[in-house]
């Protein structure tokens, strides 16, 4: 999936994307508040389109996997589980299994 497809997917799902500066070293954040879904991307920290694609896909993973948590008051175990679920969705979206399988077969 390319970057444009990810933005199209967000639009289709009515997930708003905003340019938002974070004081911390954060590139993106998924927000769900009262059925409003949004992704805040810190474009100032994102160096190139590849990194943008990775950040956006993980944040969409939070949406699709319902992997949300309260950022200000989070247990480390819950945080790790929700981040894992979001990244897992991202990996499958960016590298579909069939393409991964072909890449492995062509390597030999």
PDB file of N, CA and C in Angstrom:
ATOM      1  N   UNK A   1       0.853  -1.168   0.000  1.00  0.00           N
ATOM      2  CA  UNK A   1       0.000   0.000   0.000  1.00  0.00           C
ATOM      3  C   UNK A   1       0.903   1.237   0.000  1.00  0.00           C
ATOM      4  N   UNK A   2       0.571   2.189  -0.837  1.00  0.00           N
ATOM      5  CA  UNK A   2       1.394   3.391  -0.872  1.00  0.00           C
ATOM      6  C   UNK A   2       0.776   4.492  -0.001  1.00  0.00           C
ATOM      7  N   UNK A   3       1.497   5.593   0.098  1.00  0.00           N
ATOM      8  CA  UNK A   3       1.091   6.690   0.982  1.00  0.00           C
ATOM      9  C   UNK A   3      -0.263   7.261   0.568  1.00  0.00           C
ATOM     10  N   UNK A   4      -0.469   7.434  -0.718  1.00  0.00           N
ATOM     11  CA  UNK A   4      -1.739   7.980  -1.200  1.00  0.00           C
ATOM     12  C   UNK A   4      -2.906   7.063  -0.825  1.00  0.00           C
ATOM     13  N   UNK A   5      -2.694   5.748  -0.926  1.00  0.00           N
ATOM     14  CA  UNK A   5      -3.734   4.788  -0.534  1.00  0.00           C
ATOM     15  C   UNK A   5      -4.088   4.928   0.944  1.00  0.00           C
ATOM     16  N   UNK A   6      -3.088   5.180   1.775  1.00  0.00           N
ATOM     17  CA  UNK A   6      -3.344   5.340   3.209  1.00  0.00           C
ATOM     18  C   UNK A   6      -4.182   6.585   3.484  1.00  0.00           C
ATOM     19  N   UNK A   7      -3.861   7.681   2.805  1.00  0.00           N
ATOM     20  CA  UNK A   7      -4.661   8.897   2.976  1.00  0.00           C
ATOM     21  C   UNK A   7      -6.084   8.678   2.460  1.00  0.00           C
ATOM     22  N   UNK A   8      -6.220   7.961   1.348  1.00  0.00           N
ATOM     23  CA  UNK A   8      -7.551   7.650   0.818  1.00  0.00           C
ATOM     24  C   UNK A   8      -8.343   6.788   1.791  1.00  0.00           C
ATOM     25  N   UNK A   9      -7.661   5.839   2.406  1.00  0.00           N
ATOM     26  CA  UNK A   9      -8.300   4.955   3.387  1.00  0.00           C
ATOM     27  C   UNK A   9      -8.805   5.766   4.585  1.00  0.00           C
ATOM     28  N   UNK A  10      -7.987   6.683   5.055  1.00  0.00           N
ATOM     29  CA  UNK A  10      -8.396   7.534   6.180  1.00  0.00           C
ATOM     30  C   UNK A  10      -9.618   8.367   5.798  1.00  0.00           C
ATOM     31  N   UNK A  11      -9.601   8.912   4.606  1.00  0.00           N
ATOM     32  CA  UNK A  11     -10.739   9.723   4.152  1.00  0.00           C
ATOM     33  C   UNK A  11     -12.009   8.875   4.048  1.00  0.00           C
ATOM     34  N   UNK A  12     -11.874   7.683   3.478  1.00  0.00           N
ATOM     35  CA  UNK A  12     -13.012   6.767   3.344  1.00  0.00           C
ATOM     36  C   UNK A  12     -13.620   6.428   4.703  1.00  0.00           C
ATOM     37  N   UNK A  13     -12.780   6.272   5.702  1.00  0.00           N
ATOM     38  CA  UNK A  13     -13.231   5.932   7.056  1.00  0.00           C
ATOM     39  C   UNK A  13     -13.612   7.165   7.875  1.00  0.00           C
ATOM     40  N   UNK A  14     -13.495   8.328   7.259  1.00  0.00           N
ATOM     41  CA  UNK A  14     -13.806   9.595   7.923  1.00  0.00           C
ATOM     42  C   UNK A  14     -12.908   9.841   9.143  1.00  0.00           C
ATOM     43  N   UNK A  15     -11.656   9.449   9.008  1.00  0.00           N
ATOM     44  CA  UNK A  15     -10.641   9.730  10.028  1.00  0.00           C
ATOM     45  C   UNK A  15      -9.921  10.993   9.575  1.00  0.00           C
ATOM     46  N   UNK A  16     -10.107  12.063  10.297  1.00  0.00           N
ATOM     47  CA  UNK A  16      -9.504  13.344   9.947  1.00  0.00           C
ATOM     48  C   UNK A  16      -8.020  13.327  10.283  1.00  0.00           C
ATOM     49  N   UNK A  17      -7.216  13.965   9.438  1.00  0.00           N
ATOM     50  CA  UNK A  17      -5.770  14.032   9.665  1.00  0.00           C
ATOM     51  C   UNK A  17      -5.376  15.495   9.825  1.00  0.00           C
ATOM     52  N   UNK A  18      -4.638  15.763  10.897  1.00  0.00           N
ATOM     53  CA  UNK A  18      -4.226  17.121  11.216  1.00  0.00           C
ATOM     54  C   UNK A  18      -2.717  17.189  11.369  1.00  0.00           C
ATOM     55  N   UNK A  19      -2.159  18.321  10.982  1.00  0.00           N
ATOM     56  CA  UNK A  19      -0.756  18.623  11.234  1.00  0.00           C
ATOM     57  C   UNK A  19      -0.697  19.190  12.646  1.00  0.00           C
ATOM     58  N   UNK A  20       0.034  18.525  13.531  1.00  0.00           N
ATOM     59  CA  UNK A  20       0.048  18.927  14.929  1.00  0.00           C
ATOM     60  C   UNK A  20       1.453  18.791  15.482  1.00  0.00           C
ATOM     61  N   UNK A  21       1.954  19.837  16.093  1.00  0.00           N
ATOM     62  CA  UNK A  21       3.287  19.801  16.684  1.00  0.00           C
ATOM     63  C   UNK A  21       3.206  19.292  18.119  1.00  0.00           C
ATOM     64  N   UNK A  22       4.004  18.286  18.421  1.00  0.00           N
ATOM     65  CA  UNK A  22       4.116  17.749  19.780  1.00  0.00           C
ATOM     66  C   UNK A  22       5.435  18.224  20.376  1.00  0.00           C
ATOM     67  N   UNK A  23       5.418  18.621  21.642  1.00  0.00           N
ATOM     68  CA  UNK A  23       6.655  19.007  22.317  1.00  0.00           C
ATOM     69  C   UNK A  23       7.593  17.824  22.475  1.00  0.00           C
ATOM     70  N   UNK A  24       7.019  16.652  22.622  1.00  0.00           N
ATOM     71  CA  UNK A  24       7.816  15.444  22.813  1.00  0.00           C
ATOM     72  C   UNK A  24       8.238  14.875  21.469  1.00  0.00           C
ATOM     73  N   UNK A  25       9.047  13.841  21.515  1.00  0.00           N
ATOM     74  CA  UNK A  25       9.527  13.178  20.299  1.00  0.00           C
ATOM     75  C   UNK A  25       8.459  12.203  19.800  1.00  0.00           C
ATOM     76  N   UNK A  26       7.336  12.753  19.349  1.00  0.00           N
ATOM     77  CA  UNK A  26       6.212  11.956  18.872  1.00  0.00           C
ATOM     78  C   UNK A  26       5.941  12.348  17.426  1.00  0.00           C
ATOM     79  N   UNK A  27       5.813  11.353  16.564  1.00  0.00           N
ATOM     80  CA  UNK A  27       5.547  11.644  15.154  1.00  0.00           C
ATOM     81  C   UNK A  27       4.066  11.587  14.820  1.00  0.00           C
ATOM     82  N   UNK A  28       3.295  10.843  15.588  1.00  0.00           N
ATOM     83  CA  UNK A  28       1.877  10.749  15.300  1.00  0.00           C
ATOM     84  C   UNK A  28       1.102  10.221  16.485  1.00  0.00           C
ATOM     85  N   UNK A  29      -0.213  10.464  16.431  1.00  0.00           N
ATOM     86  CA  UNK A  29      -1.069  10.000  17.512  1.00  0.00           C
ATOM     87  C   UNK A  29      -2.487   9.826  16.964  1.00  0.00           C
ATOM     88  N   UNK A  30      -3.120   8.705  17.310  1.00  0.00           N
ATOM     89  CA  UNK A  30      -4.519   8.488  16.971  1.00  0.00           C
ATOM     90  C   UNK A  30      -5.376   8.955  18.133  1.00  0.00           C
ATOM     91  N   UNK A  31      -6.426   9.688  17.818  1.00  0.00           N
ATOM     92  CA  UNK A  31      -7.314  10.211  18.848  1.00  0.00           C
ATOM     93  C   UNK A  31      -8.732   9.740  18.577  1.00  0.00           C
ATOM     94  N   UNK A  32      -9.380   9.241  19.612  1.00  0.00           N
ATOM     95  CA  UNK A  32     -10.773   8.839  19.519  1.00  0.00           C
ATOM     96  C   UNK A  32     -11.493   9.486  20.682  1.00  0.00           C
ATOM     97  N   UNK A  33     -12.401  10.399  20.355  1.00  0.00           N
ATOM     98  CA  UNK A  33     -13.129  11.103  21.397  1.00  0.00           C
ATOM     99  C   UNK A  33     -14.583  11.232  20.972  1.00  0.00           C
ATOM    100  N   UNK A  34     -15.465  10.611  21.723  1.00  0.00           N
ATOM    101  CA  UNK A  34     -16.900  10.714  21.467  1.00  0.00           C
ATOM    102  C   UNK A  34     -17.232  10.439  19.996  1.00  0.00           C
ATOM    103  N   UNK A  35     -16.731   9.308  19.494  1.00  0.00           N
ATOM    104  CA  UNK A  35     -16.945   8.838  18.127  1.00  0.00           C
ATOM    105  C   UNK A  35     -16.308   9.719  17.049  1.00  0.00           C
ATOM    106  N   UNK A  36     -15.463  10.637  17.456  1.00  0.00           N
ATOM    107  CA  UNK A  36     -14.683  11.426  16.510  1.00  0.00           C
ATOM    108  C   UNK A  36     -13.305  10.776  16.420  1.00  0.00           C
ATOM    109  N   UNK A  37     -12.900  10.409  15.216  1.00  0.00           N
ATOM    110  CA  UNK A  37     -11.597   9.775  15.012  1.00  0.00           C
ATOM    111  C   UNK A  37     -10.690  10.722  14.252  1.00  0.00           C
ATOM    112  N   UNK A  38      -9.494  10.900  14.752  1.00  0.00           N
ATOM    113  CA  UNK A  38      -8.545  11.803  14.113  1.00  0.00           C
ATOM    114  C   UNK A  38      -7.125  11.276  14.311  1.00  0.00           C
ATOM    115  N   UNK A  39      -6.278  11.651  13.374  1.00  0.00           N
ATOM    116  CA  UNK A  39      -4.859  11.341  13.478  1.00  0.00           C
ATOM    117  C   UNK A  39      -4.105  12.670  13.448  1.00  0.00           C
ATOM    118  N   UNK A  40      -3.257  12.857  14.431  1.00  0.00           N
ATOM    119  CA  UNK A  40      -2.396  14.032  14.482  1.00  0.00           C
ATOM    120  C   UNK A  40      -1.004  13.591  14.028  1.00  0.00           C
ATOM    121  N   UNK A  41      -0.517  14.197  12.966  1.00  0.00           N
ATOM    122  CA  UNK A  41       0.824  13.892  12.464  1.00  0.00           C
ATOM    123  C   UNK A  41       1.724  15.096  12.710  1.00  0.00           C
ATOM    124  N   UNK A  42       2.884  14.844  13.261  1.00  0.00           N
ATOM    125  CA  UNK A  42       3.862  15.891  13.518  1.00  0.00           C
ATOM    126  C   UNK A  42       4.794  15.970  12.304  1.00  0.00           C
ATOM    127  N   UNK A  43       4.322  16.644  11.257  1.00  0.00           N
ATOM    128  CA  UNK A  43       5.069  16.693   9.994  1.00  0.00           C
ATOM    129  C   UNK A  43       6.471  17.281  10.166  1.00  0.00           C
ATOM    130  N   UNK A  44       6.685  18.114  11.191  1.00  0.00           N
ATOM    131  CA  UNK A  44       8.018  18.689  11.418  1.00  0.00           C
ATOM    132  C   UNK A  44       9.037  17.623  11.811  1.00  0.00           C
ATOM    133  N   UNK A  45       8.584  16.532  12.420  1.00  0.00           N
ATOM    134  CA  UNK A  45       9.489  15.454  12.822  1.00  0.00           C
ATOM    135  C   UNK A  45       9.651  14.383  11.750  1.00  0.00           C
ATOM    136  N   UNK A  46       8.726  14.333  10.804  1.00  0.00           N
ATOM    137  CA  UNK A  46       8.742  13.286   9.779  1.00  0.00           C
ATOM    138  C   UNK A  46       9.670  13.721   8.652  1.00  0.00           C
ATOM    139  N   UNK A  47      10.715  12.913   8.424  1.00  0.00           N
ATOM    140  CA  UNK A  47      11.795  13.321   7.514  1.00  0.00           C
ATOM    141  C   UNK A  47      11.530  13.054   6.044  1.00  0.00           C
ATOM    142  N   UNK A  48      10.724  12.031   5.710  1.00  0.00           N
ATOM    143  CA  UNK A  48      10.511  11.689   4.301  1.00  0.00           C
ATOM    144  C   UNK A  48       9.199  10.919   4.140  1.00  0.00           C
ATOM    145  N   UNK A  49       8.848  10.622   2.902  1.00  0.00           N
ATOM    146  CA  UNK A  49       7.562   9.974   2.634  1.00  0.00           C
ATOM    147  C   UNK A  49       7.521   8.540   3.168  1.00  0.00           C
ATOM    148  N   UNK A  50       8.663   7.867   3.219  1.00  0.00           N
ATOM    149  CA  UNK A  50       8.679   6.504   3.773  1.00  0.00           C
ATOM    150  C   UNK A  50       8.327   6.527   5.260  1.00  0.00           C
ATOM    151  N   UNK A  51       8.921   7.464   5.977  1.00  0.00           N
ATOM    152  CA  UNK A  51       8.622   7.581   7.405  1.00  0.00           C
ATOM    153  C   UNK A  51       7.165   8.007   7.604  1.00  0.00           C
ATOM    154  N   UNK A  52       6.687   8.905   6.758  1.00  0.00           N
ATOM    155  CA  UNK A  52       5.286   9.340   6.828  1.00  0.00           C
ATOM    156  C   UNK A  52       4.345   8.152   6.628  1.00  0.00           C
ATOM    157  N   UNK A  53       4.671   7.296   5.666  1.00  0.00           N
ATOM    158  CA  UNK A  53       3.858   6.114   5.399  1.00  0.00           C
ATOM    159  C   UNK A  53       3.844   5.183   6.618  1.00  0.00           C
ATOM    160  N   UNK A  54       4.970   4.984   7.240  1.00  0.00           N
ATOM    161  CA  UNK A  54       5.042   4.112   8.422  1.00  0.00           C
ATOM    162  C   UNK A  54       4.241   4.682   9.589  1.00  0.00           C
ATOM    163  N   UNK A  55       4.384   5.977   9.823  1.00  0.00           N
ATOM    164  CA  UNK A  55       3.670   6.609  10.939  1.00  0.00           C
ATOM    165  C   UNK A  55       2.165   6.581  10.682  1.00  0.00           C
ATOM    166  N   UNK A  56       1.752   6.974   9.483  1.00  0.00           N
ATOM    167  CA  UNK A  56       0.326   7.007   9.167  1.00  0.00           C
ATOM    168  C   UNK A  56      -0.290   5.610   9.237  1.00  0.00           C
ATOM    169  N   UNK A  57       0.413   4.609   8.723  1.00  0.00           N
ATOM    170  CA  UNK A  57      -0.154   3.259   8.755  1.00  0.00           C
ATOM    171  C   UNK A  57      -0.296   2.750  10.190  1.00  0.00           C
ATOM    172  N   UNK A  58       0.659   3.062  11.051  1.00  0.00           N
ATOM    173  CA  UNK A  58       0.509   2.627  12.443  1.00  0.00           C
ATOM    174  C   UNK A  58      -0.662   3.332  13.115  1.00  0.00           C
ATOM    175  N   UNK A  59      -0.815   4.610  12.855  1.00  0.00           N
ATOM    176  CA  UNK A  59      -1.932   5.338  13.462  1.00  0.00           C
ATOM    177  C   UNK A  59      -3.267   4.817  12.933  1.00  0.00           C
ATOM    178  N   UNK A  60      -3.335   4.464  11.661  1.00  0.00           N
ATOM    179  CA  UNK A  60      -4.539   3.827  11.137  1.00  0.00           C
ATOM    180  C   UNK A  60      -4.757   2.458  11.787  1.00  0.00           C
ATOM    181  N   UNK A  61      -3.668   1.794  12.129  1.00  0.00           N
ATOM    182  CA  UNK A  61      -3.768   0.523  12.848  1.00  0.00           C
ATOM    183  C   UNK A  61      -4.471   0.688  14.186  1.00  0.00           C
ATOM    184  N   UNK A  62      -4.228   1.802  14.857  1.00  0.00           N
ATOM    185  CA  UNK A  62      -4.935   2.067  16.115  1.00  0.00           C
ATOM    186  C   UNK A  62      -6.440   2.165  15.851  1.00  0.00           C
ATOM    187  N   UNK A  63      -6.798   2.799  14.756  1.00  0.00           N
ATOM    188  CA  UNK A  63      -8.210   2.921  14.399  1.00  0.00           C
ATOM    189  C   UNK A  63      -8.819   1.554  14.082  1.00  0.00           C
ATOM    190  N   UNK A  64      -8.209   0.828  13.167  1.00  0.00           N
ATOM    191  CA  UNK A  64      -8.779  -0.442  12.713  1.00  0.00           C
ATOM    192  C   UNK A  64      -8.792  -1.525  13.787  1.00  0.00           C
ATOM    193  N   UNK A  65      -7.816  -1.525  14.647  1.00  0.00           N
ATOM    194  CA  UNK A  65      -7.733  -2.562  15.683  1.00  0.00           C
ATOM    195  C   UNK A  65      -8.345  -2.114  17.011  1.00  0.00           C
ATOM    196  N   UNK A  66      -8.947  -0.914  17.017  1.00  0.00           N
ATOM    197  CA  UNK A  66      -9.506  -0.343  18.238  1.00  0.00           C
ATOM    198  C   UNK A  66      -8.475  -0.418  19.366  1.00  0.00           C
ATOM    199  N   UNK A  67      -7.259  -0.050  19.019  1.00  0.00           N
ATOM    200  CA  UNK A  67      -6.125  -0.133  19.949  1.00  0.00           C
ATOM    201  C   UNK A  67      -5.853   1.251  20.536  1.00  0.00           C
ATOM    202  N   UNK A  68      -6.779   1.696  21.360  1.00  0.00           N
ATOM    203  CA  UNK A  68      -6.651   3.018  21.952  1.00  0.00           C
ATOM    204  C   UNK A  68      -6.352   2.908  23.441  1.00  0.00           C
ATOM    205  N   UNK A  69      -5.883   3.998  23.994  1.00  0.00           N
ATOM    206  CA  UNK A  69      -5.597   4.061  25.425  1.00  0.00           C
ATOM    207  C   UNK A  69      -5.545   5.518  25.833  1.00  0.00           C
ATOM    208  N   UNK A  70      -5.646   5.748  27.120  1.00  0.00           N
ATOM    209  CA  UNK A  70      -5.556   7.095  27.659  1.00  0.00           C
ATOM    210  C   UNK A  70      -4.076   7.465  27.750  1.00  0.00           C
ATOM    211  N   UNK A  71      -3.650   8.370  26.903  1.00  0.00           N
ATOM    212  CA  UNK A  71      -2.234   8.719  26.796  1.00  0.00           C
ATOM    213  C   UNK A  71      -1.668   9.294  28.089  1.00  0.00           C
ATOM    214  N   UNK A  72      -2.471  10.009  28.849  1.00  0.00           N
ATOM    215  CA  UNK A  72      -1.945  10.670  30.054  1.00  0.00           C
ATOM    216  C   UNK A  72      -1.887   9.752  31.274  1.00  0.00           C
ATOM    217  N   UNK A  73      -2.619   8.636  31.221  1.00  0.00           N
ATOM    218  CA  UNK A  73      -2.656   7.744  32.385  1.00  0.00           C
ATOM    219  C   UNK A  73      -2.702   6.300  31.883  1.00  0.00           C
ATOM    220  N   UNK A  74      -1.552   5.777  31.501  1.00  0.00           N
ATOM    221  CA  UNK A  74      -1.528   4.474  30.847  1.00  0.00           C
ATOM    222  C   UNK A  74      -0.625   3.493  31.576  1.00  0.00           C
ATOM    223  N   UNK A  75      -1.125   2.300  31.722  1.00  0.00           N
ATOM    224  CA  UNK A  75      -0.349   1.194  32.262  1.00  0.00           C
ATOM    225  C   UNK A  75       0.587   0.694  31.155  1.00  0.00           C
ATOM    226  N   UNK A  76       1.828   0.380  31.476  1.00  0.00           N
ATOM    227  CA  UNK A  76       2.812  -0.040  30.486  1.00  0.00           C
ATOM    228  C   UNK A  76       2.370  -1.285  29.726  1.00  0.00           C
ATOM    229  N   UNK A  77       1.754  -2.231  30.381  1.00  0.00           N
ATOM    230  CA  UNK A  77       1.314  -3.466  29.718  1.00  0.00           C
ATOM    231  C   UNK A  77       0.223  -3.155  28.701  1.00  0.00           C
ATOM    232  N   UNK A  78      -0.743  -2.325  29.070  1.00  0.00           N
ATOM    233  CA  UNK A  78      -1.805  -1.943  28.140  1.00  0.00           C
ATOM    234  C   UNK A  78      -1.210  -1.175  26.966  1.00  0.00           C
ATOM    235  N   UNK A  79      -0.307  -0.251  27.258  1.00  0.00           N
ATOM    236  CA  UNK A  79       0.358   0.525  26.206  1.00  0.00           C
ATOM    237  C   UNK A  79       1.051  -0.402  25.206  1.00  0.00           C
ATOM    238  N   UNK A  80       1.844  -1.340  25.705  1.00  0.00           N
ATOM    239  CA  UNK A  80       2.576  -2.258  24.830  1.00  0.00           C
ATOM    240  C   UNK A  80       1.633  -3.109  23.985  1.00  0.00           C
ATOM    241  N   UNK A  81       0.552  -3.599  24.575  1.00  0.00           N
ATOM    242  CA  UNK A  81      -0.413  -4.423  23.834  1.00  0.00           C
ATOM    243  C   UNK A  81      -1.085  -3.631  22.727  1.00  0.00           C
ATOM    244  N   UNK A  82      -1.499  -2.404  23.026  1.00  0.00           N
ATOM    245  CA  UNK A  82      -2.192  -1.599  22.027  1.00  0.00           C
ATOM    246  C   UNK A  82      -1.237  -1.164  20.914  1.00  0.00           C
ATOM    247  N   UNK A  83      -0.015  -0.841  21.248  1.00  0.00           N
ATOM    248  CA  UNK A  83       0.970  -0.482  20.225  1.00  0.00           C
ATOM    249  C   UNK A  83       1.290  -1.690  19.344  1.00  0.00           C
ATOM    250  N   UNK A  84       1.393  -2.863  19.940  1.00  0.00           N
ATOM    251  CA  UNK A  84       1.645  -4.083  19.175  1.00  0.00           C
ATOM    252  C   UNK A  84       0.520  -4.334  18.178  1.00  0.00           C
ATOM    253  N   UNK A  85      -0.725  -4.211  18.632  1.00  0.00           N
ATOM    254  CA  UNK A  85      -1.873  -4.438  17.750  1.00  0.00           C
ATOM    255  C   UNK A  85      -1.870  -3.457  16.581  1.00  0.00           C
ATOM    256  N   UNK A  86      -1.572  -2.198  16.847  1.00  0.00           N
ATOM    257  CA  UNK A  86      -1.548  -1.186  15.785  1.00  0.00           C
ATOM    258  C   UNK A  86      -0.421  -1.467  14.799  1.00  0.00           C
ATOM    259  N   UNK A  87       0.755  -1.806  15.305  1.00  0.00           N
ATOM    260  CA  UNK A  87       1.891  -2.104  14.413  1.00  0.00           C
ATOM    261  C   UNK A  87       1.625  -3.348  13.585  1.00  0.00           C
ATOM    262  N   UNK A  88       0.983  -4.337  14.169  1.00  0.00           N
ATOM    263  CA  UNK A  88       0.676  -5.566  13.438  1.00  0.00           C
ATOM    264  C   UNK A  88      -0.231  -5.252  12.251  1.00  0.00           C
ATOM    265  N   UNK A  89      -1.254  -4.446  12.448  1.00  0.00           N
ATOM    266  CA  UNK A  89      -2.123  -4.049  11.333  1.00  0.00           C
ATOM    267  C   UNK A  89      -1.296  -3.330  10.274  1.00  0.00           C
ATOM    268  N   UNK A  90      -0.414  -2.447  10.727  1.00  0.00           N
ATOM    269  CA  UNK A  90       0.434  -1.681   9.824  1.00  0.00           C
ATOM    270  C   UNK A  90       1.311  -2.590   8.968  1.00  0.00           C
ATOM    271  N   UNK A  91       1.912  -3.587   9.593  1.00  0.00           N
ATOM    272  CA  UNK A  91       2.779  -4.512   8.853  1.00  0.00           C
ATOM    273  C   UNK A  91       1.996  -5.245   7.770  1.00  0.00           C
ATOM    274  N   UNK A  92       0.805  -5.722   8.121  1.00  0.00           N
ATOM    275  CA  UNK A  92      -0.012  -6.441   7.141  1.00  0.00           C
ATOM    276  C   UNK A  92      -0.483  -5.519   6.018  1.00  0.00           C
ATOM    277  N   UNK A  93      -0.766  -4.262   6.345  1.00  0.00           N
ATOM    278  CA  UNK A  93      -1.214  -3.311   5.323  1.00  0.00           C
ATOM    279  C   UNK A  93      -0.074  -2.936   4.381  1.00  0.00           C
ATOM    280  N   UNK A  94       1.114  -2.730   4.936  1.00  0.00           N
ATOM    281  CA  UNK A  94       2.250  -2.291   4.124  1.00  0.00           C
ATOM    282  C   UNK A  94       2.907  -3.431   3.364  1.00  0.00           C
ATOM    283  N   UNK A  95       2.908  -4.620   3.952  1.00  0.00           N
ATOM    284  CA  UNK A  95       3.549  -5.771   3.314  1.00  0.00           C
ATOM    285  C   UNK A  95       2.566  -6.936   3.332  1.00  0.00           C
ATOM    286  N   UNK A  96       1.667  -7.010   2.337  1.00  0.00           N
ATOM    287  CA  UNK A  96       0.719  -8.124   2.303  1.00  0.00           C
ATOM    288  C   UNK A  96       1.450  -9.469   2.275  1.00  0.00           C
ATOM    289  N   UNK A  97       0.843 -10.468   2.879  1.00  0.00           N
ATOM    290  CA  UNK A  97       1.479 -11.771   3.035  1.00  0.00           C
ATOM    291  C   UNK A  97       1.966 -12.347   1.712  1.00  0.00           C
ATOM    292  N   UNK A  98       1.168 -12.230   0.662  1.00  0.00           N
ATOM    293  CA  UNK A  98       1.569 -12.793  -0.637  1.00  0.00           C
ATOM    294  C   UNK A  98       2.841 -12.142  -1.164  1.00  0.00           C
ATOM    295  N   UNK A  99       2.967 -10.823  -0.985  1.00  0.00           N
ATOM    296  CA  UNK A  99       4.185 -10.130  -1.435  1.00  0.00           C
ATOM    297  C   UNK A  99       5.390 -10.551  -0.593  1.00  0.00           C
ATOM    298  N   UNK A 100       5.183 -10.726   0.691  1.00  0.00           N
ATOM    299  CA  UNK A 100       6.262 -11.179   1.567  1.00  0.00           C
ATOM    300  C   UNK A 100       6.709 -12.575   1.159  1.00  0.00           C
ATOM    301  N   UNK A 101       5.754 -13.445   0.909  1.00  0.00           N
ATOM    302  CA  UNK A 101       6.059 -14.816   0.504  1.00  0.00           C
ATOM    303  C   UNK A 101       6.846 -14.829  -0.824  1.00  0.00           C
ATOM    304  N   UNK A 102       6.422 -14.021  -1.786  1.00  0.00           N
ATOM    305  CA  UNK A 102       7.133 -13.942  -3.071  1.00  0.00           C
ATOM    306  C   UNK A 102       8.561 -13.410  -2.883  1.00  0.00           C
ATOM    307  N   UNK A 103       8.706 -12.432  -2.026  1.00  0.00           N
ATOM    308  CA  UNK A 103      10.044 -11.861  -1.788  1.00  0.00           C
ATOM    309  C   UNK A 103      10.966 -12.913  -1.181  1.00  0.00           C
ATOM    310  N   UNK A 104      10.458 -13.714  -0.274  1.00  0.00           N
ATOM    311  CA  UNK A 104      11.260 -14.774   0.338  1.00  0.00           C
ATOM    312  C   UNK A 104      11.626 -15.834  -0.687  1.00  0.00           C
ATOM    313  N   UNK A 105      10.659 -16.222  -1.500  1.00  0.00           N
ATOM    314  CA  UNK A 105      10.917 -17.231  -2.534  1.00  0.00           C
ATOM    315  C   UNK A 105      11.913 -16.736  -3.579  1.00  0.00           C
ATOM    316  N   UNK A 106      11.825 -15.465  -3.943  1.00  0.00           N
ATOM    317  CA  UNK A 106      12.728 -14.905  -4.964  1.00  0.00           C
ATOM    318  C   UNK A 106      14.130 -14.661  -4.422  1.00  0.00           C
ATOM    319  N   UNK A 107      14.271 -14.633  -3.119  1.00  0.00           N
ATOM    320  CA  UNK A 107      15.579 -14.415  -2.493  1.00  0.00           C
ATOM    321  C   UNK A 107      16.479 -15.630  -2.676  1.00  0.00           C
ATOM    322  N   UNK A 108      15.892 -16.799  -2.754  1.00  0.00           N
ATOM    323  CA  UNK A 108      16.680 -18.031  -2.829  1.00  0.00           C
ATOM    324  C   UNK A 108      17.120 -18.321  -4.220  1.00  0.00           C
TER     325      UNK A 108
END
